[in-house]
Amino acid sequence: MADKATIIVHSGDMDKVYSALIVANGALAMGMEASLYFTFWGLQRLKKGGLEKGPLSKMNMLGLGKWMVKRKMKKAGEWLLWRGSCRTSRSLEARYSPVT
């Protein structure tokens, strides 16, 4: 039996979607199959440009929290990881499934 990772993305919050993509990329890098199921508010992140539009979960502070996190990620070089996580997981053949 092959090792598999199944991740349910039920929230559209930027930090939660990013965490799901990190786990999926890690599973794919270890040779596992990865499936991401987007449901409820997570479906909004599958739209073109949708990953950029999600708020933060608890630190949003009327948009200021997201701006601060993005700024910190850019300084640390993590912003490229965020922008490339979705492309990387797709190129490594992760399965994205919208669930309505």
PDB file of N, CA and C in Angstrom:
ATOM      1  N   MET A   1       0.845  -1.172   0.000  1.00  0.00           N
ATOM      2  CA  MET A   1       0.000   0.000   0.000  1.00  0.00           C
ATOM      3  C   MET A   1       0.897   1.243   0.000  1.00  0.00           C
ATOM      4  N   ALA A   2       0.582   2.170  -0.895  1.00  0.00           N
ATOM      5  CA  ALA A   2       1.354   3.412  -0.991  1.00  0.00           C
ATOM      6  C   ALA A   2       0.947   4.376   0.119  1.00  0.00           C
ATOM      7  N   ASP A   3       1.891   5.157   0.553  1.00  0.00           N
ATOM      8  CA  ASP A   3       1.599   6.181   1.550  1.00  0.00           C
ATOM      9  C   ASP A   3       0.846   7.324   0.881  1.00  0.00           C
ATOM     10  N   LYS A   4      -0.180   7.805   1.553  1.00  0.00           N
ATOM     11  CA  LYS A   4      -1.005   8.881   1.006  1.00  0.00           C
ATOM     12  C   LYS A   4      -1.252   9.937   2.070  1.00  0.00           C
ATOM     13  N   ALA A   5      -1.409  11.174   1.613  1.00  0.00           N
ATOM     14  CA  ALA A   5      -1.778  12.277   2.496  1.00  0.00           C
ATOM     15  C   ALA A   5      -3.034  12.915   1.932  1.00  0.00           C
ATOM     16  N   THR A   6      -4.050  13.033   2.748  1.00  0.00           N
ATOM     17  CA  THR A   6      -5.294  13.683   2.353  1.00  0.00           C
ATOM     18  C   THR A   6      -5.492  14.885   3.266  1.00  0.00           C
ATOM     19  N   ILE A   7      -5.643  16.057   2.641  1.00  0.00           N
ATOM     20  CA  ILE A   7      -5.764  17.298   3.400  1.00  0.00           C
ATOM     21  C   ILE A   7      -7.067  17.973   3.014  1.00  0.00           C
ATOM     22  N   ILE A   8      -7.859  18.340   4.002  1.00  0.00           N
ATOM     23  CA  ILE A   8      -9.104  19.054   3.764  1.00  0.00           C
ATOM     24  C   ILE A   8      -8.876  20.513   4.105  1.00  0.00           C
ATOM     25  N   VAL A   9      -9.044  21.377   3.100  1.00  0.00           N
ATOM     26  CA  VAL A   9      -8.870  22.818   3.282  1.00  0.00           C
ATOM     27  C   VAL A   9     -10.270  23.414   3.379  1.00  0.00           C
ATOM     28  N   HIS A  10     -10.726  23.676   4.588  1.00  0.00           N
ATOM     29  CA  HIS A  10     -12.095  24.155   4.794  1.00  0.00           C
ATOM     30  C   HIS A  10     -12.147  25.651   5.067  1.00  0.00           C
ATOM     31  N   SER A  11     -10.980  26.277   5.174  1.00  0.00           N
ATOM     32  CA  SER A  11     -10.917  27.700   5.483  1.00  0.00           C
ATOM     33  C   SER A  11     -10.208  28.421   4.344  1.00  0.00           C
ATOM     34  N   GLY A  12     -10.602  29.648   4.094  1.00  0.00           N
ATOM     35  CA  GLY A  12      -9.954  30.443   3.073  1.00  0.00           C
ATOM     36  C   GLY A  12      -8.898  31.372   3.623  1.00  0.00           C
ATOM     37  N   ASP A  13      -8.582  31.251   4.899  1.00  0.00           N
ATOM     38  CA  ASP A  13      -7.580  32.120   5.519  1.00  0.00           C
ATOM     39  C   ASP A  13      -6.198  31.829   4.951  1.00  0.00           C
ATOM     40  N   MET A  14      -5.449  32.887   4.667  1.00  0.00           N
ATOM     41  CA  MET A  14      -4.155  32.772   4.015  1.00  0.00           C
ATOM     42  C   MET A  14      -3.199  31.844   4.758  1.00  0.00           C
ATOM     43  N   ASP A  15      -3.105  31.989   6.070  1.00  0.00           N
ATOM     44  CA  ASP A  15      -2.161  31.177   6.828  1.00  0.00           C
ATOM     45  C   ASP A  15      -2.565  29.699   6.852  1.00  0.00           C
ATOM     46  N   LYS A  16      -3.839  29.409   6.844  1.00  0.00           N
ATOM     47  CA  LYS A  16      -4.286  28.018   6.871  1.00  0.00           C
ATOM     48  C   LYS A  16      -4.092  27.338   5.513  1.00  0.00           C
ATOM     49  N   VAL A  17      -4.341  28.059   4.427  1.00  0.00           N
ATOM     50  CA  VAL A  17      -4.119  27.506   3.090  1.00  0.00           C
ATOM     51  C   VAL A  17      -2.621  27.281   2.882  1.00  0.00           C
ATOM     52  N   TYR A  18      -1.810  28.240   3.325  1.00  0.00           N
ATOM     53  CA  TYR A  18      -0.355  28.119   3.210  1.00  0.00           C
ATOM     54  C   TYR A  18       0.133  26.885   3.969  1.00  0.00           C
ATOM     55  N   SER A  19      -0.388  26.658   5.155  1.00  0.00           N
ATOM     56  CA  SER A  19       0.006  25.488   5.948  1.00  0.00           C
ATOM     57  C   SER A  19      -0.352  24.191   5.227  1.00  0.00           C
ATOM     58  N   ALA A  20      -1.535  24.150   4.626  1.00  0.00           N
ATOM     59  CA  ALA A  20      -1.952  22.953   3.888  1.00  0.00           C
ATOM     60  C   ALA A  20      -1.035  22.694   2.696  1.00  0.00           C
ATOM     61  N   LEU A  21      -0.637  23.757   1.998  1.00  0.00           N
ATOM     62  CA  LEU A  21       0.264  23.601   0.859  1.00  0.00           C
ATOM     63  C   LEU A  21       1.654  23.133   1.304  1.00  0.00           C
ATOM     64  N   ILE A  22       2.118  23.608   2.457  1.00  0.00           N
ATOM     65  CA  ILE A  22       3.416  23.169   2.967  1.00  0.00           C
ATOM     66  C   ILE A  22       3.382  21.674   3.289  1.00  0.00           C
ATOM     67  N   VAL A  23       2.315  21.224   3.948  1.00  0.00           N
ATOM     68  CA  VAL A  23       2.197  19.809   4.288  1.00  0.00           C
ATOM     69  C   VAL A  23       2.111  18.960   3.016  1.00  0.00           C
ATOM     70  N   ALA A  24       1.345  19.421   2.025  1.00  0.00           N
ATOM     71  CA  ALA A  24       1.217  18.679   0.765  1.00  0.00           C
ATOM     72  C   ALA A  24       2.555  18.602   0.043  1.00  0.00           C
ATOM     73  N   ASN A  25       3.292  19.714  -0.007  1.00  0.00           N
ATOM     74  CA  ASN A  25       4.603  19.701  -0.657  1.00  0.00           C
ATOM     75  C   ASN A  25       5.581  18.780   0.069  1.00  0.00           C
ATOM     76  N   GLY A  26       5.519  18.763   1.391  1.00  0.00           N
ATOM     77  CA  GLY A  26       6.367  17.862   2.162  1.00  0.00           C
ATOM     78  C   GLY A  26       6.050  16.399   1.888  1.00  0.00           C
ATOM     79  N   ALA A  27       4.756  16.080   1.816  1.00  0.00           N
ATOM     80  CA  ALA A  27       4.351  14.704   1.517  1.00  0.00           C
ATOM     81  C   ALA A  27       4.803  14.297   0.114  1.00  0.00           C
ATOM     82  N   LEU A  28       4.628  15.188  -0.844  1.00  0.00           N
ATOM     83  CA  LEU A  28       5.047  14.899  -2.217  1.00  0.00           C
ATOM     84  C   LEU A  28       6.561  14.716  -2.309  1.00  0.00           C
ATOM     85  N   ALA A  29       7.306  15.520  -1.574  1.00  0.00           N
ATOM     86  CA  ALA A  29       8.766  15.409  -1.581  1.00  0.00           C
ATOM     87  C   ALA A  29       9.238  14.084  -0.987  1.00  0.00           C
ATOM     88  N   MET A  30       8.421  13.509  -0.096  1.00  0.00           N
ATOM     89  CA  MET A  30       8.759  12.217   0.510  1.00  0.00           C
ATOM     90  C   MET A  30       8.266  11.043  -0.326  1.00  0.00           C
ATOM     91  N   GLY A  31       7.700  11.320  -1.501  1.00  0.00           N
ATOM     92  CA  GLY A  31       7.247  10.257  -2.387  1.00  0.00           C
ATOM     93  C   GLY A  31       5.830   9.780  -2.110  1.00  0.00           C
ATOM     94  N   MET A  32       5.098  10.512  -1.300  1.00  0.00           N
ATOM     95  CA  MET A  32       3.715  10.139  -0.998  1.00  0.00           C
ATOM     96  C   MET A  32       2.774  10.767  -2.014  1.00  0.00           C
ATOM     97  N   GLU A  33       1.574  10.213  -2.116  1.00  0.00           N
ATOM     98  CA  GLU A  33       0.522  10.845  -2.895  1.00  0.00           C
ATOM     99  C   GLU A  33      -0.150  11.892  -2.016  1.00  0.00           C
ATOM    100  N   ALA A  34      -0.482  13.041  -2.585  1.00  0.00           N
ATOM    101  CA  ALA A  34      -1.133  14.100  -1.809  1.00  0.00           C
ATOM    102  C   ALA A  34      -2.407  14.537  -2.513  1.00  0.00           C
ATOM    103  N   SER A  35      -3.485  14.601  -1.749  1.00  0.00           N
ATOM    104  CA  SER A  35      -4.769  15.083  -2.252  1.00  0.00           C
ATOM    105  C   SER A  35      -5.237  16.213  -1.350  1.00  0.00           C
ATOM    106  N   LEU A  36      -5.632  17.324  -1.962  1.00  0.00           N
ATOM    107  CA  LEU A  36      -6.175  18.453  -1.215  1.00  0.00           C
ATOM    108  C   LEU A  36      -7.624  18.623  -1.620  1.00  0.00           C
ATOM    109  N   TYR A  37      -8.511  18.598  -0.653  1.00  0.00           N
ATOM    110  CA  TYR A  37      -9.937  18.798  -0.890  1.00  0.00           C
ATOM    111  C   TYR A  37     -10.323  20.175  -0.364  1.00  0.00           C
ATOM    112  N   PHE A  38     -10.758  21.031  -1.248  1.00  0.00           N
ATOM    113  CA  PHE A  38     -11.155  22.393  -0.894  1.00  0.00           C
ATOM    114  C   PHE A  38     -12.667  22.438  -0.727  1.00  0.00           C
ATOM    115  N   THR A  39     -13.126  22.838   0.434  1.00  0.00           N
ATOM    116  CA  THR A  39     -14.554  22.892   0.701  1.00  0.00           C
ATOM    117  C   THR A  39     -14.885  24.172   1.478  1.00  0.00           C
ATOM    118  N   PHE A  40     -16.137  24.533   1.512  1.00  0.00           N
ATOM    119  CA  PHE A  40     -16.622  25.740   2.175  1.00  0.00           C
ATOM    120  C   PHE A  40     -15.834  26.958   1.712  1.00  0.00           C
ATOM    121  N   TRP A  41     -15.201  27.687   2.631  1.00  0.00           N
ATOM    122  CA  TRP A  41     -14.495  28.922   2.298  1.00  0.00           C
ATOM    123  C   TRP A  41     -13.187  28.662   1.563  1.00  0.00           C
ATOM    124  N   GLY A  42     -12.672  27.455   1.660  1.00  0.00           N
ATOM    125  CA  GLY A  42     -11.453  27.101   0.932  1.00  0.00           C
ATOM    126  C   GLY A  42     -11.651  27.120  -0.576  1.00  0.00           C
ATOM    127  N   LEU A  43     -12.892  26.933  -1.023  1.00  0.00           N
ATOM    128  CA  LEU A  43     -13.180  26.960  -2.468  1.00  0.00           C
ATOM    129  C   LEU A  43     -12.833  28.306  -3.088  1.00  0.00           C
ATOM    130  N   GLN A  44     -12.943  29.369  -2.334  1.00  0.00           N
ATOM    131  CA  GLN A  44     -12.656  30.707  -2.852  1.00  0.00           C
ATOM    132  C   GLN A  44     -11.190  30.865  -3.230  1.00  0.00           C
ATOM    133  N   ARG A  45     -10.311  30.083  -2.645  1.00  0.00           N
ATOM    134  CA  ARG A  45      -8.881  30.199  -2.931  1.00  0.00           C
ATOM    135  C   ARG A  45      -8.495  29.501  -4.226  1.00  0.00           C
ATOM    136  N   LEU A  46      -9.388  28.710  -4.824  1.00  0.00           N
ATOM    137  CA  LEU A  46      -9.083  28.033  -6.082  1.00  0.00           C
ATOM    138  C   LEU A  46      -9.287  28.941  -7.289  1.00  0.00           C
ATOM    139  N   LYS A  47      -9.966  30.071  -7.100  1.00  0.00           N
ATOM    140  CA  LYS A  47     -10.151  31.013  -8.195  1.00  0.00           C
ATOM    141  C   LYS A  47      -8.808  31.613  -8.599  1.00  0.00           C
ATOM    142  N   LYS A  48      -8.730  32.091  -9.831  1.00  0.00           N
ATOM    143  CA  LYS A  48      -7.498  32.730 -10.299  1.00  0.00           C
ATOM    144  C   LYS A  48      -7.188  33.944  -9.423  1.00  0.00           C
ATOM    145  N   GLY A  49      -5.994  33.969  -8.853  1.00  0.00           N
ATOM    146  CA  GLY A  49      -5.602  35.054  -7.960  1.00  0.00           C
ATOM    147  C   GLY A  49      -6.196  34.940  -6.571  1.00  0.00           C
ATOM    148  N   GLY A  50      -6.877  33.835  -6.264  1.00  0.00           N
ATOM    149  CA  GLY A  50      -7.562  33.676  -4.992  1.00  0.00           C
ATOM    150  C   GLY A  50      -6.646  33.488  -3.799  1.00  0.00           C
ATOM    151  N   LEU A  51      -5.451  32.943  -4.020  1.00  0.00           N
ATOM    152  CA  LEU A  51      -4.529  32.742  -2.902  1.00  0.00           C
ATOM    153  C   LEU A  51      -4.090  34.068  -2.311  1.00  0.00           C
ATOM    154  N   GLU A  52      -3.998  35.087  -3.132  1.00  0.00           N
ATOM    155  CA  GLU A  52      -3.552  36.399  -2.665  1.00  0.00           C
ATOM    156  C   GLU A  52      -4.631  37.134  -1.871  1.00  0.00           C
ATOM    157  N   LYS A  53      -5.886  36.776  -2.066  1.00  0.00           N
ATOM    158  CA  LYS A  53      -6.987  37.566  -1.527  1.00  0.00           C
ATOM    159  C   LYS A  53      -7.479  37.133  -0.153  1.00  0.00           C
ATOM    160  N   GLY A  54      -7.047  36.008   0.341  1.00  0.00           N
ATOM    161  CA  GLY A  54      -7.559  35.522   1.613  1.00  0.00           C
ATOM    162  C   GLY A  54      -7.051  36.309   2.806  1.00  0.00           C
ATOM    163  N   PRO A  55      -7.876  36.501   3.820  1.00  0.00           N
ATOM    164  CA  PRO A  55      -7.434  37.200   5.035  1.00  0.00           C
ATOM    165  C   PRO A  55      -6.630  36.261   5.934  1.00  0.00           C
ATOM    166  N   LEU A  56      -6.031  36.794   6.976  1.00  0.00           N
ATOM    167  CA  LEU A  56      -5.402  35.968   7.999  1.00  0.00           C
ATOM    168  C   LEU A  56      -6.472  35.472   8.949  1.00  0.00           C
ATOM    169  N   SER A  57      -6.186  34.402   9.672  1.00  0.00           N
ATOM    170  CA  SER A  57      -7.208  33.811  10.528  1.00  0.00           C
ATOM    171  C   SER A  57      -7.563  34.683  11.731  1.00  0.00           C
ATOM    172  N   LYS A  58      -6.648  34.938  12.625  1.00  0.00           N
ATOM    173  CA  LYS A  58      -6.988  35.688  13.845  1.00  0.00           C
ATOM    174  C   LYS A  58      -6.239  37.004  13.966  1.00  0.00           C
ATOM    175  N   MET A  59      -5.313  37.241  13.065  1.00  0.00           N
ATOM    176  CA  MET A  59      -4.488  38.445  13.186  1.00  0.00           C
ATOM    177  C   MET A  59      -4.788  39.434  12.066  1.00  0.00           C
ATOM    178  N   ASN A  60      -5.958  39.399  11.487  1.00  0.00           N
ATOM    179  CA  ASN A  60      -6.237  40.230  10.319  1.00  0.00           C
ATOM    180  C   ASN A  60      -6.200  41.723  10.620  1.00  0.00           C
ATOM    181  N   MET A  61      -6.787  42.157  11.710  1.00  0.00           N
ATOM    182  CA  MET A  61      -6.777  43.552  12.152  1.00  0.00           C
ATOM    183  C   MET A  61      -7.096  44.517  11.003  1.00  0.00           C
ATOM    184  N   LEU A  62      -8.222  44.292  10.345  1.00  0.00           N
ATOM    185  CA  LEU A  62      -8.686  45.134   9.239  1.00  0.00           C
ATOM    186  C   LEU A  62      -7.684  45.198   8.089  1.00  0.00           C
ATOM    187  N   GLY A  63      -6.965  44.114   7.845  1.00  0.00           N
ATOM    188  CA  GLY A  63      -6.020  44.056   6.740  1.00  0.00           C
ATOM    189  C   GLY A  63      -4.585  44.384   7.121  1.00  0.00           C
ATOM    190  N   LEU A  64      -4.381  45.011   8.258  1.00  0.00           N
ATOM    191  CA  LEU A  64      -3.038  45.395   8.679  1.00  0.00           C
ATOM    192  C   LEU A  64      -2.186  44.167   9.012  1.00  0.00           C
ATOM    193  N   GLY A  65      -2.783  43.171   9.620  1.00  0.00           N
ATOM    194  CA  GLY A  65      -2.049  41.957   9.976  1.00  0.00           C
ATOM    195  C   GLY A  65      -1.513  41.237   8.751  1.00  0.00           C
ATOM    196  N   LYS A  66      -2.328  41.149   7.713  1.00  0.00           N
ATOM    197  CA  LYS A  66      -1.897  40.491   6.476  1.00  0.00           C
ATOM    198  C   LYS A  66      -0.735  41.257   5.852  1.00  0.00           C
ATOM    199  N   TRP A  67      -0.819  42.578   5.862  1.00  0.00           N
ATOM    200  CA  TRP A  67       0.248  43.406   5.306  1.00  0.00           C
ATOM    201  C   TRP A  67       1.552  43.168   6.065  1.00  0.00           C
ATOM    202  N   MET A  68       1.454  43.092   7.414  1.00  0.00           N
ATOM    203  CA  MET A  68       2.654  42.882   8.224  1.00  0.00           C
ATOM    204  C   MET A  68       3.256  41.497   7.974  1.00  0.00           C
ATOM    205  N   VAL A  69       2.419  40.474   7.857  1.00  0.00           N
ATOM    206  CA  VAL A  69       2.916  39.122   7.606  1.00  0.00           C
ATOM    207  C   VAL A  69       3.577  39.046   6.235  1.00  0.00           C
ATOM    208  N   LYS A  70       2.939  39.646   5.216  1.00  0.00           N
ATOM    209  CA  LYS A  70       3.538  39.650   3.877  1.00  0.00           C
ATOM    210  C   LYS A  70       4.896  40.346   3.894  1.00  0.00           C
ATOM    211  N   ARG A  71       4.979  41.483   4.581  1.00  0.00           N
ATOM    212  CA  ARG A  71       6.228  42.238   4.667  1.00  0.00           C
ATOM    213  C   ARG A  71       7.323  41.411   5.336  1.00  0.00           C
ATOM    214  N   LYS A  72       6.954  40.747   6.418  1.00  0.00           N
ATOM    215  CA  LYS A  72       7.922  39.908   7.138  1.00  0.00           C
ATOM    216  C   LYS A  72       8.375  38.725   6.273  1.00  0.00           C
ATOM    217  N   MET A  73       7.424  38.124   5.543  1.00  0.00           N
ATOM    218  CA  MET A  73       7.754  37.000   4.664  1.00  0.00           C
ATOM    219  C   MET A  73       8.672  37.447   3.527  1.00  0.00           C
ATOM    220  N   LYS A  74       8.433  38.641   2.976  1.00  0.00           N
ATOM    221  CA  LYS A  74       9.290  39.152   1.901  1.00  0.00           C
ATOM    222  C   LYS A  74      10.704  39.386   2.403  1.00  0.00           C
ATOM    223  N   LYS A  75      10.840  39.935   3.610  1.00  0.00           N
ATOM    224  CA  LYS A  75      12.172  40.175   4.183  1.00  0.00           C
ATOM    225  C   LYS A  75      12.917  38.866   4.413  1.00  0.00           C
ATOM    226  N   ALA A  76      12.205  37.826   4.817  1.00  0.00           N
ATOM    227  CA  ALA A  76      12.829  36.535   5.104  1.00  0.00           C
ATOM    228  C   ALA A  76      12.992  35.673   3.856  1.00  0.00           C
ATOM    229  N   GLY A  77      12.483  36.142   2.721  1.00  0.00           N
ATOM    230  CA  GLY A  77      12.568  35.358   1.490  1.00  0.00           C
ATOM    231  C   GLY A  77      11.510  34.279   1.390  1.00  0.00           C
ATOM    232  N   GLU A  78      10.544  34.300   2.290  1.00  0.00           N
ATOM    233  CA  GLU A  78       9.499  33.286   2.304  1.00  0.00           C
ATOM    234  C   GLU A  78       8.390  33.573   1.298  1.00  0.00           C
ATOM    235  N   TRP A  79       8.303  34.815   0.815  1.00  0.00           N
ATOM    236  CA  TRP A  79       7.199  35.176  -0.067  1.00  0.00           C
ATOM    237  C   TRP A  79       7.254  34.368  -1.356  1.00  0.00           C
ATOM    238  N   LEU A  80       8.459  34.086  -1.836  1.00  0.00           N
ATOM    239  CA  LEU A  80       8.578  33.271  -3.041  1.00  0.00           C
ATOM    240  C   LEU A  80       8.054  31.865  -2.794  1.00  0.00           C
ATOM    241  N   LEU A  81       8.265  31.352  -1.571  1.00  0.00           N
ATOM    242  CA  LEU A  81       7.713  30.037  -1.227  1.00  0.00           C
ATOM    243  C   LEU A  81       6.191  30.055  -1.260  1.00  0.00           C
ATOM    244  N   TRP A  82       5.603  31.111  -0.702  1.00  0.00           N
ATOM    245  CA  TRP A  82       4.144  31.223  -0.676  1.00  0.00           C
ATOM    246  C   TRP A  82       3.592  31.263  -2.092  1.00  0.00           C
ATOM    247  N   ARG A  83       4.186  32.088  -2.941  1.00  0.00           N
ATOM    248  CA  ARG A  83       3.691  32.242  -4.302  1.00  0.00           C
ATOM    249  C   ARG A  83       3.926  30.985  -5.122  1.00  0.00           C
ATOM    250  N   GLY A  84       5.007  30.255  -4.819  1.00  0.00           N
ATOM    251  CA  GLY A  84       5.331  29.071  -5.600  1.00  0.00           C
ATOM    252  C   GLY A  84       4.787  27.770  -5.038  1.00  0.00           C
ATOM    253  N   SER A  85       4.232  27.792  -3.835  1.00  0.00           N
ATOM    254  CA  SER A  85       3.758  26.549  -3.208  1.00  0.00           C
ATOM    255  C   SER A  85       2.679  25.859  -4.023  1.00  0.00           C
ATOM    256  N   CYS A  86       1.754  26.626  -4.513  1.00  0.00           N
ATOM    257  CA  CYS A  86       0.662  26.044  -5.297  1.00  0.00           C
ATOM    258  C   CYS A  86       1.198  25.458  -6.599  1.00  0.00           C
ATOM    259  N   ARG A  87       2.061  26.202  -7.290  1.00  0.00           N
ATOM    260  CA  ARG A  87       2.635  25.708  -8.543  1.00  0.00           C
ATOM    261  C   ARG A  87       3.496  24.471  -8.295  1.00  0.00           C
ATOM    262  N   THR A  88       4.255  24.483  -7.216  1.00  0.00           N
ATOM    263  CA  THR A  88       5.128  23.351  -6.914  1.00  0.00           C
ATOM    264  C   THR A  88       4.320  22.098  -6.642  1.00  0.00           C
ATOM    265  N   SER A  89       3.279  22.213  -5.838  1.00  0.00           N
ATOM    266  CA  SER A  89       2.484  21.025  -5.519  1.00  0.00           C
ATOM    267  C   SER A  89       1.766  20.500  -6.764  1.00  0.00           C
ATOM    268  N   ARG A  90       1.353  21.392  -7.658  1.00  0.00           N
ATOM    269  CA  ARG A  90       0.733  20.929  -8.906  1.00  0.00           C
ATOM    270  C   ARG A  90       1.749  20.250  -9.808  1.00  0.00           C
ATOM    271  N   SER A  91       2.961  20.789  -9.883  1.00  0.00           N
ATOM    272  CA  SER A  91       3.975  20.186 -10.744  1.00  0.00           C
ATOM    273  C   SER A  91       4.421  18.829 -10.197  1.00  0.00           C
ATOM    274  N   LEU A  92       4.310  18.638  -8.881  1.00  0.00           N
ATOM    275  CA  LEU A  92       4.627  17.343  -8.280  1.00  0.00           C
ATOM    276  C   LEU A  92       3.420  16.416  -8.260  1.00  0.00           C
ATOM    277  N   GLU A  93       2.361  16.811  -8.953  1.00  0.00           N
ATOM    278  CA  GLU A  93       1.161  16.002  -9.168  1.00  0.00           C
ATOM    279  C   GLU A  93       0.288  15.819  -7.938  1.00  0.00           C
ATOM    280  N   ALA A  94       0.113  16.888  -7.171  1.00  0.00           N
ATOM    281  CA  ALA A  94      -0.882  16.851  -6.097  1.00  0.00           C
ATOM    282  C   ALA A  94      -2.257  16.944  -6.745  1.00  0.00           C
ATOM    283  N   ARG A  95      -3.235  16.310  -6.136  1.00  0.00           N
ATOM    284  CA  ARG A  95      -4.607  16.368  -6.660  1.00  0.00           C
ATOM    285  C   ARG A  95      -5.394  17.413  -5.893  1.00  0.00           C
ATOM    286  N   TYR A  96      -5.947  18.370  -6.635  1.00  0.00           N
ATOM    287  CA  TYR A  96      -6.798  19.406  -6.059  1.00  0.00           C
ATOM    288  C   TYR A  96      -8.231  19.049  -6.420  1.00  0.00           C
ATOM    289  N   SER A  97      -9.103  18.977  -5.421  1.00  0.00           N
ATOM    290  CA  SER A  97     -10.498  18.619  -5.668  1.00  0.00           C
ATOM    291  C   SER A  97     -11.424  19.599  -4.972  1.00  0.00           C
ATOM    292  N   PRO A  98     -12.254  20.318  -5.745  1.00  0.00           N
ATOM    293  CA  PRO A  98     -13.278  21.152  -5.117  1.00  0.00           C
ATOM    294  C   PRO A  98     -14.434  20.278  -4.654  1.00  0.00           C
ATOM    295  N   VAL A  99     -14.912  20.516  -3.447  1.00  0.00           N
ATOM    296  CA  VAL A  99     -16.029  19.742  -2.903  1.00  0.00           C
ATOM    297  C   VAL A  99     -17.146  20.724  -2.591  1.00  0.00           C
ATOM    298  N   THR A 100     -18.279  20.546  -3.233  1.00  0.00           N
ATOM    299  CA  THR A 100     -19.403  21.444  -2.983  1.00  0.00           C
ATOM    300  C   THR A 100     -20.496  20.750  -2.221  1.00  0.00           C
TER     301      THR A 100
END
